[in-house]
N, C-alpha and C. Protein backbone atom coordinates (compact mmCIF):
# COMPACT_ATOMS: atom_id res chain seq x y z
N MET A 1 0.83 -1.18 0.00
CA MET A 1 0.00 0.00 0.00
C MET A 1 0.88 1.25 0.00
N ALA A 2 0.25 2.37 -0.19
CA ALA A 2 0.98 3.63 -0.35
C ALA A 2 1.59 4.13 0.95
N LEU A 3 2.73 4.74 0.80
CA LEU A 3 3.40 5.46 1.89
C LEU A 3 3.70 4.60 3.11
N ASP A 4 3.98 3.31 2.87
CA ASP A 4 4.24 2.46 4.04
C ASP A 4 5.72 2.26 4.32
N ASN A 5 6.57 3.03 3.63
CA ASN A 5 8.00 3.06 3.96
C ASN A 5 8.58 4.41 3.52
N ALA A 6 9.77 4.71 4.00
CA ALA A 6 10.38 6.02 3.73
C ALA A 6 10.60 6.26 2.24
N ALA A 7 10.98 5.23 1.51
CA ALA A 7 11.22 5.39 0.06
C ALA A 7 9.94 5.80 -0.66
N GLU A 8 8.80 5.27 -0.25
CA GLU A 8 7.54 5.65 -0.89
C GLU A 8 7.14 7.08 -0.53
N VAL A 9 7.43 7.51 0.68
CA VAL A 9 7.17 8.90 1.06
C VAL A 9 8.05 9.83 0.23
N GLU A 10 9.31 9.45 0.05
CA GLU A 10 10.22 10.24 -0.77
C GLU A 10 9.77 10.28 -2.23
N ALA A 11 9.24 9.18 -2.73
CA ALA A 11 8.73 9.15 -4.10
C ALA A 11 7.57 10.12 -4.26
N LEU A 12 6.70 10.20 -3.26
CA LEU A 12 5.62 11.18 -3.30
C LEU A 12 6.18 12.59 -3.27
N ALA A 13 7.17 12.82 -2.45
CA ALA A 13 7.81 14.14 -2.40
C ALA A 13 8.39 14.51 -3.76
N ASN A 14 8.97 13.55 -4.46
CA ASN A 14 9.49 13.81 -5.81
C ASN A 14 8.38 14.26 -6.74
N GLU A 15 7.26 13.54 -6.72
CA GLU A 15 6.14 13.90 -7.59
C GLU A 15 5.56 15.26 -7.24
N ILE A 16 5.49 15.56 -5.94
CA ILE A 16 4.99 16.86 -5.52
C ILE A 16 5.92 17.98 -5.98
N THR A 17 7.21 17.75 -5.90
CA THR A 17 8.19 18.73 -6.40
C THR A 17 8.00 18.96 -7.90
N GLU A 18 7.79 17.88 -8.64
CA GLU A 18 7.55 18.00 -10.08
C GLU A 18 6.26 18.77 -10.36
N CYS A 19 5.26 18.58 -9.52
CA CYS A 19 4.01 19.35 -9.65
C CYS A 19 4.29 20.83 -9.46
N ALA A 20 5.09 21.16 -8.46
CA ALA A 20 5.45 22.56 -8.22
C ALA A 20 6.18 23.14 -9.42
N ASN A 21 7.04 22.36 -10.03
CA ASN A 21 7.73 22.82 -11.24
C ASN A 21 6.74 23.09 -12.37
N ALA A 22 5.77 22.19 -12.54
CA ALA A 22 4.75 22.37 -13.58
C ALA A 22 3.88 23.59 -13.27
N MET A 23 3.56 23.79 -12.00
CA MET A 23 2.79 24.98 -11.59
C MET A 23 3.52 26.23 -12.02
N HIS A 24 4.80 26.27 -11.73
CA HIS A 24 5.60 27.45 -12.05
C HIS A 24 5.60 27.74 -13.55
N LEU A 25 5.81 26.72 -14.34
CA LEU A 25 5.83 26.91 -15.80
C LEU A 25 4.48 27.41 -16.32
N ARG A 26 3.40 26.80 -15.84
CA ARG A 26 2.07 27.21 -16.30
C ARG A 26 1.76 28.63 -15.85
N LEU A 27 2.14 28.97 -14.63
CA LEU A 27 1.90 30.32 -14.14
C LEU A 27 2.69 31.35 -14.95
N MET A 28 3.91 31.04 -15.27
CA MET A 28 4.71 31.97 -16.08
C MET A 28 4.05 32.19 -17.44
N ASP A 29 3.53 31.13 -18.05
CA ASP A 29 2.80 31.28 -19.31
C ASP A 29 1.56 32.14 -19.13
N ALA A 30 0.84 31.92 -18.04
CA ALA A 30 -0.37 32.70 -17.77
C ALA A 30 -0.06 34.18 -17.61
N ILE A 31 1.04 34.47 -16.95
CA ILE A 31 1.46 35.87 -16.77
C ILE A 31 1.80 36.48 -18.12
N LYS A 32 2.59 35.77 -18.91
CA LYS A 32 3.00 36.28 -20.23
C LYS A 32 1.82 36.48 -21.16
N ASN A 33 0.81 35.63 -21.03
CA ASN A 33 -0.36 35.70 -21.92
C ASN A 33 -1.48 36.57 -21.36
N GLY A 34 -1.25 37.19 -20.22
CA GLY A 34 -2.25 38.06 -19.63
C GLY A 34 -3.49 37.33 -19.11
N GLU A 35 -3.34 36.06 -18.76
CA GLU A 35 -4.47 35.26 -18.29
C GLU A 35 -4.76 35.44 -16.81
N VAL A 36 -3.83 36.03 -16.08
CA VAL A 36 -3.95 36.13 -14.64
C VAL A 36 -3.50 37.51 -14.19
N ASN A 37 -4.22 38.07 -13.21
CA ASN A 37 -3.82 39.39 -12.71
C ASN A 37 -2.72 39.23 -11.66
N GLN A 38 -2.15 40.35 -11.26
CA GLN A 38 -1.01 40.32 -10.35
C GLN A 38 -1.35 39.70 -9.00
N ILE A 39 -2.51 40.01 -8.48
CA ILE A 39 -2.91 39.48 -7.17
C ILE A 39 -3.05 37.96 -7.23
N SER A 40 -3.72 37.47 -8.26
CA SER A 40 -3.87 36.01 -8.41
C SER A 40 -2.52 35.34 -8.64
N ALA A 41 -1.69 35.95 -9.44
CA ALA A 41 -0.36 35.38 -9.70
C ALA A 41 0.44 35.28 -8.41
N GLN A 42 0.38 36.32 -7.60
CA GLN A 42 1.11 36.29 -6.33
C GLN A 42 0.60 35.17 -5.43
N ALA A 43 -0.71 34.99 -5.40
CA ALA A 43 -1.30 33.92 -4.58
C ALA A 43 -0.84 32.54 -5.08
N ILE A 44 -0.78 32.38 -6.39
CA ILE A 44 -0.35 31.09 -6.94
C ILE A 44 1.14 30.87 -6.66
N PHE A 45 1.95 31.93 -6.75
CA PHE A 45 3.37 31.80 -6.39
C PHE A 45 3.51 31.37 -4.93
N GLN A 46 2.66 31.90 -4.06
CA GLN A 46 2.70 31.50 -2.65
C GLN A 46 2.31 30.03 -2.51
N ASP A 47 1.31 29.60 -3.27
CA ASP A 47 0.92 28.18 -3.24
C ASP A 47 2.07 27.30 -3.73
N GLU A 48 2.77 27.75 -4.75
CA GLU A 48 3.92 27.00 -5.25
C GLU A 48 4.97 26.84 -4.15
N THR A 49 5.23 27.92 -3.45
CA THR A 49 6.21 27.89 -2.36
C THR A 49 5.77 26.92 -1.26
N ILE A 50 4.50 26.97 -0.92
CA ILE A 50 3.98 26.06 0.11
C ILE A 50 4.11 24.61 -0.35
N LEU A 51 3.79 24.36 -1.62
CA LEU A 51 3.90 23.00 -2.14
C LEU A 51 5.35 22.51 -2.07
N ARG A 52 6.28 23.37 -2.43
CA ARG A 52 7.70 22.99 -2.34
C ARG A 52 8.12 22.74 -0.89
N GLN A 53 7.61 23.56 0.02
CA GLN A 53 7.92 23.36 1.44
C GLN A 53 7.37 22.02 1.93
N ARG A 54 6.17 21.67 1.50
CA ARG A 54 5.58 20.37 1.90
C ARG A 54 6.44 19.22 1.37
N ALA A 55 6.84 19.33 0.12
CA ALA A 55 7.69 18.27 -0.45
C ALA A 55 9.02 18.18 0.31
N ASN A 56 9.63 19.33 0.59
CA ASN A 56 10.89 19.32 1.33
C ASN A 56 10.72 18.73 2.72
N SER A 57 9.61 19.03 3.36
CA SER A 57 9.34 18.46 4.69
C SER A 57 9.20 16.95 4.61
N LEU A 58 8.54 16.47 3.55
CA LEU A 58 8.41 15.02 3.38
C LEU A 58 9.79 14.38 3.18
N TYR A 59 10.65 15.02 2.39
CA TYR A 59 12.01 14.49 2.21
C TYR A 59 12.74 14.40 3.56
N LEU A 60 12.67 15.50 4.30
CA LEU A 60 13.43 15.58 5.54
C LEU A 60 12.92 14.65 6.63
N ASP A 61 11.64 14.40 6.62
CA ASP A 61 11.01 13.67 7.71
C ASP A 61 10.31 12.40 7.22
N ALA A 62 10.82 11.83 6.15
CA ALA A 62 10.15 10.69 5.51
C ALA A 62 9.91 9.53 6.48
N ALA A 63 10.86 9.26 7.31
CA ALA A 63 10.72 8.11 8.22
C ALA A 63 9.57 8.30 9.21
N ASN A 64 9.27 9.53 9.54
CA ASN A 64 8.19 9.81 10.48
C ASN A 64 6.85 10.03 9.78
N ARG A 65 6.83 10.00 8.47
CA ARG A 65 5.60 10.26 7.71
C ARG A 65 5.04 8.99 7.11
N ILE A 66 5.51 7.85 7.55
CA ILE A 66 4.97 6.57 7.08
C ILE A 66 3.53 6.46 7.55
N VAL A 67 2.66 6.08 6.63
CA VAL A 67 1.23 6.03 6.93
C VAL A 67 0.81 4.59 7.14
N LYS A 68 0.25 4.34 8.27
CA LYS A 68 -0.28 3.01 8.57
C LYS A 68 -1.74 2.94 8.14
N ASP A 69 -2.14 1.81 7.65
CA ASP A 69 -3.54 1.53 7.31
C ASP A 69 -4.07 2.29 6.10
N LEU A 70 -3.21 2.81 5.25
CA LEU A 70 -3.67 3.44 4.01
C LEU A 70 -3.83 2.34 2.97
N LYS A 71 -5.04 2.14 2.51
CA LYS A 71 -5.35 1.03 1.60
C LYS A 71 -5.10 1.37 0.13
N THR A 72 -4.82 2.63 -0.15
CA THR A 72 -4.59 3.07 -1.52
C THR A 72 -3.23 2.57 -2.02
N PRO A 73 -3.16 2.00 -3.21
CA PRO A 73 -1.87 1.56 -3.74
C PRO A 73 -0.95 2.75 -4.05
N GLN A 74 0.34 2.55 -3.86
CA GLN A 74 1.33 3.60 -4.14
C GLN A 74 1.23 4.07 -5.59
N ALA A 75 1.06 3.15 -6.52
CA ALA A 75 0.98 3.52 -7.94
C ALA A 75 -0.20 4.45 -8.21
N GLU A 76 -1.31 4.23 -7.52
CA GLU A 76 -2.48 5.08 -7.71
C GLU A 76 -2.21 6.50 -7.19
N LEU A 77 -1.57 6.59 -6.04
CA LEU A 77 -1.25 7.88 -5.45
C LEU A 77 -0.27 8.65 -6.33
N LEU A 78 0.82 8.01 -6.70
CA LEU A 78 1.82 8.67 -7.55
C LEU A 78 1.26 8.98 -8.93
N GLY A 79 0.43 8.09 -9.45
CA GLY A 79 -0.17 8.30 -10.76
C GLY A 79 -1.05 9.54 -10.79
N ALA A 80 -1.84 9.74 -9.75
CA ALA A 80 -2.71 10.92 -9.70
C ALA A 80 -1.89 12.21 -9.63
N VAL A 81 -0.83 12.20 -8.84
CA VAL A 81 0.01 13.40 -8.75
C VAL A 81 0.72 13.64 -10.08
N ASN A 82 1.18 12.57 -10.71
CA ASN A 82 1.82 12.70 -12.02
C ASN A 82 0.84 13.22 -13.07
N ASP A 83 -0.38 12.71 -13.04
CA ASP A 83 -1.41 13.19 -13.97
C ASP A 83 -1.72 14.67 -13.72
N ALA A 84 -1.74 15.06 -12.45
CA ALA A 84 -1.96 16.48 -12.12
C ALA A 84 -0.84 17.34 -12.67
N LYS A 85 0.38 16.86 -12.55
CA LYS A 85 1.54 17.58 -13.07
C LYS A 85 1.38 17.78 -14.58
N LYS A 86 1.01 16.74 -15.28
CA LYS A 86 0.82 16.84 -16.73
C LYS A 86 -0.32 17.80 -17.08
N ALA A 87 -1.40 17.73 -16.31
CA ALA A 87 -2.54 18.60 -16.56
C ALA A 87 -2.18 20.06 -16.34
N MET A 88 -1.36 20.32 -15.32
CA MET A 88 -0.97 21.71 -15.02
C MET A 88 -0.23 22.36 -16.19
N LYS A 89 0.49 21.57 -16.93
CA LYS A 89 1.26 22.11 -18.04
C LYS A 89 0.39 22.58 -19.19
N LYS A 90 -0.82 22.01 -19.31
CA LYS A 90 -1.64 22.34 -20.47
C LYS A 90 -3.04 22.84 -20.13
N ILE A 91 -3.33 22.98 -18.86
CA ILE A 91 -4.65 23.43 -18.44
C ILE A 91 -4.92 24.83 -19.00
N LYS A 92 -6.11 25.05 -19.48
CA LYS A 92 -6.44 26.31 -20.15
C LYS A 92 -6.99 27.36 -19.19
N GLU A 93 -7.94 26.99 -18.38
CA GLU A 93 -8.61 27.97 -17.54
C GLU A 93 -7.93 28.09 -16.18
N ILE A 94 -7.62 29.33 -15.81
CA ILE A 94 -6.92 29.58 -14.57
C ILE A 94 -7.73 29.12 -13.37
N ALA A 95 -9.05 29.25 -13.39
CA ALA A 95 -9.87 28.81 -12.26
C ALA A 95 -9.69 27.31 -12.03
N GLN A 96 -9.66 26.53 -13.08
CA GLN A 96 -9.44 25.09 -12.94
C GLN A 96 -8.03 24.80 -12.44
N PHE A 97 -7.08 25.58 -12.93
CA PHE A 97 -5.69 25.45 -12.50
C PHE A 97 -5.58 25.70 -11.00
N ILE A 98 -6.22 26.77 -10.53
CA ILE A 98 -6.18 27.12 -9.11
C ILE A 98 -6.83 26.02 -8.27
N ASP A 99 -7.94 25.47 -8.74
CA ASP A 99 -8.62 24.39 -8.02
C ASP A 99 -7.72 23.16 -7.91
N LEU A 100 -7.07 22.79 -8.99
CA LEU A 100 -6.18 21.64 -8.98
C LEU A 100 -5.00 21.88 -8.04
N VAL A 101 -4.44 23.09 -8.09
CA VAL A 101 -3.34 23.44 -7.20
C VAL A 101 -3.78 23.29 -5.73
N ALA A 102 -4.95 23.80 -5.42
CA ALA A 102 -5.45 23.73 -4.04
C ALA A 102 -5.59 22.27 -3.59
N ASP A 103 -6.07 21.42 -4.47
CA ASP A 103 -6.25 20.02 -4.09
C ASP A 103 -4.93 19.27 -3.96
N ILE A 104 -3.95 19.63 -4.78
CA ILE A 104 -2.61 19.04 -4.63
C ILE A 104 -2.00 19.50 -3.30
N LEU A 105 -2.22 20.76 -2.95
CA LEU A 105 -1.74 21.26 -1.65
C LEU A 105 -2.37 20.46 -0.50
N LEU A 106 -3.67 20.20 -0.61
CA LEU A 106 -4.35 19.41 0.42
C LEU A 106 -3.77 18.00 0.51
N LEU A 107 -3.49 17.41 -0.64
CA LEU A 107 -2.91 16.07 -0.66
C LEU A 107 -1.54 16.06 0.00
N ALA A 108 -0.73 17.06 -0.31
CA ALA A 108 0.61 17.15 0.29
C ALA A 108 0.51 17.33 1.81
N ALA A 109 -0.40 18.18 2.24
CA ALA A 109 -0.58 18.40 3.68
C ALA A 109 -1.09 17.13 4.36
N ALA A 110 -2.01 16.43 3.72
CA ALA A 110 -2.54 15.19 4.29
C ALA A 110 -1.44 14.13 4.40
N ALA A 111 -0.59 14.06 3.38
CA ALA A 111 0.52 13.10 3.43
C ALA A 111 1.47 13.44 4.56
N TYR A 112 1.73 14.73 4.75
CA TYR A 112 2.62 15.12 5.83
C TYR A 112 2.01 14.80 7.19
N ALA A 113 0.70 14.94 7.29
CA ALA A 113 0.02 14.60 8.54
C ALA A 113 -0.02 13.09 8.78
N ALA A 114 0.22 12.32 7.72
CA ALA A 114 0.27 10.85 7.80
C ALA A 114 -1.05 10.26 8.29
N LYS A 115 -2.15 10.85 7.83
CA LYS A 115 -3.48 10.38 8.21
C LYS A 115 -4.18 9.80 6.98
N PRO A 116 -4.54 8.53 7.01
CA PRO A 116 -5.13 7.89 5.83
C PRO A 116 -6.40 8.56 5.30
N ALA A 117 -7.34 8.88 6.15
CA ALA A 117 -8.62 9.42 5.68
C ALA A 117 -8.45 10.74 4.92
N PRO A 118 -7.68 11.71 5.43
CA PRO A 118 -7.48 12.94 4.66
C PRO A 118 -6.72 12.71 3.35
N ILE A 119 -5.80 11.75 3.34
CA ILE A 119 -5.08 11.44 2.10
C ILE A 119 -6.06 10.93 1.05
N VAL A 120 -6.91 9.99 1.45
CA VAL A 120 -7.89 9.43 0.52
C VAL A 120 -8.85 10.51 0.03
N ALA A 121 -9.30 11.38 0.92
CA ALA A 121 -10.23 12.46 0.54
C ALA A 121 -9.57 13.43 -0.44
N ALA A 122 -8.33 13.80 -0.17
CA ALA A 122 -7.62 14.73 -1.06
C ALA A 122 -7.35 14.07 -2.41
N LEU A 123 -6.98 12.81 -2.39
CA LEU A 123 -6.75 12.07 -3.64
C LEU A 123 -8.02 12.03 -4.47
N LYS A 124 -9.15 11.82 -3.82
CA LYS A 124 -10.44 11.81 -4.52
C LYS A 124 -10.70 13.16 -5.19
N GLU A 125 -10.38 14.25 -4.51
CA GLU A 125 -10.56 15.59 -5.08
C GLU A 125 -9.65 15.82 -6.29
N VAL A 126 -8.40 15.39 -6.19
CA VAL A 126 -7.48 15.52 -7.32
C VAL A 126 -8.01 14.74 -8.52
N LYS A 127 -8.45 13.52 -8.28
CA LYS A 127 -9.00 12.70 -9.36
C LYS A 127 -10.25 13.34 -9.96
N SER A 128 -11.08 13.92 -9.13
CA SER A 128 -12.29 14.60 -9.61
C SER A 128 -11.91 15.78 -10.52
N ASP A 129 -10.91 16.54 -10.10
CA ASP A 129 -10.42 17.65 -10.92
C ASP A 129 -9.93 17.13 -12.28
N LEU A 130 -9.15 16.06 -12.24
CA LEU A 130 -8.61 15.50 -13.47
C LEU A 130 -9.71 14.96 -14.38
N ASP A 131 -10.71 14.32 -13.79
CA ASP A 131 -11.85 13.83 -14.58
C ASP A 131 -12.58 15.00 -15.23
N GLY A 132 -12.75 16.09 -14.49
CA GLY A 132 -13.42 17.27 -15.04
C GLY A 132 -12.65 17.88 -16.20
N LEU A 133 -11.34 17.86 -16.09
CA LEU A 133 -10.51 18.38 -17.18
C LEU A 133 -10.58 17.49 -18.40
N ALA A 134 -10.64 16.19 -18.17
CA ALA A 134 -10.69 15.23 -19.28
C ALA A 134 -11.98 15.36 -20.08
N LYS A 135 -13.04 15.80 -19.42
CA LYS A 135 -14.34 15.94 -20.08
C LYS A 135 -14.43 17.20 -20.94
N LYS A 136 -13.49 18.09 -20.77
CA LYS A 136 -13.53 19.34 -21.53
C LYS A 136 -12.80 19.24 -22.84
């Protein structure tokens, strides 16, 4: 199951870091294309920083972030974050982008808290966001 050893926690941290990288690239495009105002851009930059901090915390404290009783497979967890990263690179509407970013932040925070129920709930939200994007 997911996050049941330090290496799996570190793998999630890697995917979260990659998500932050994708966020940054998409935000820079949005700024250049005039899709986002300065206030929204600043808020997204802050979210990017928070996401990177969460990933760094998971790296530093991986041994203490092992989650017991999480029934979700590691591949499913990493796959959703990877899919979110890919979606961030090509997402068109900033509102959808912001929603996906918020849900990835929740997932990262839930993983750091090492609580199965919040991880599953956040994962469900990320998947819902991705399903909504796929339908467009």
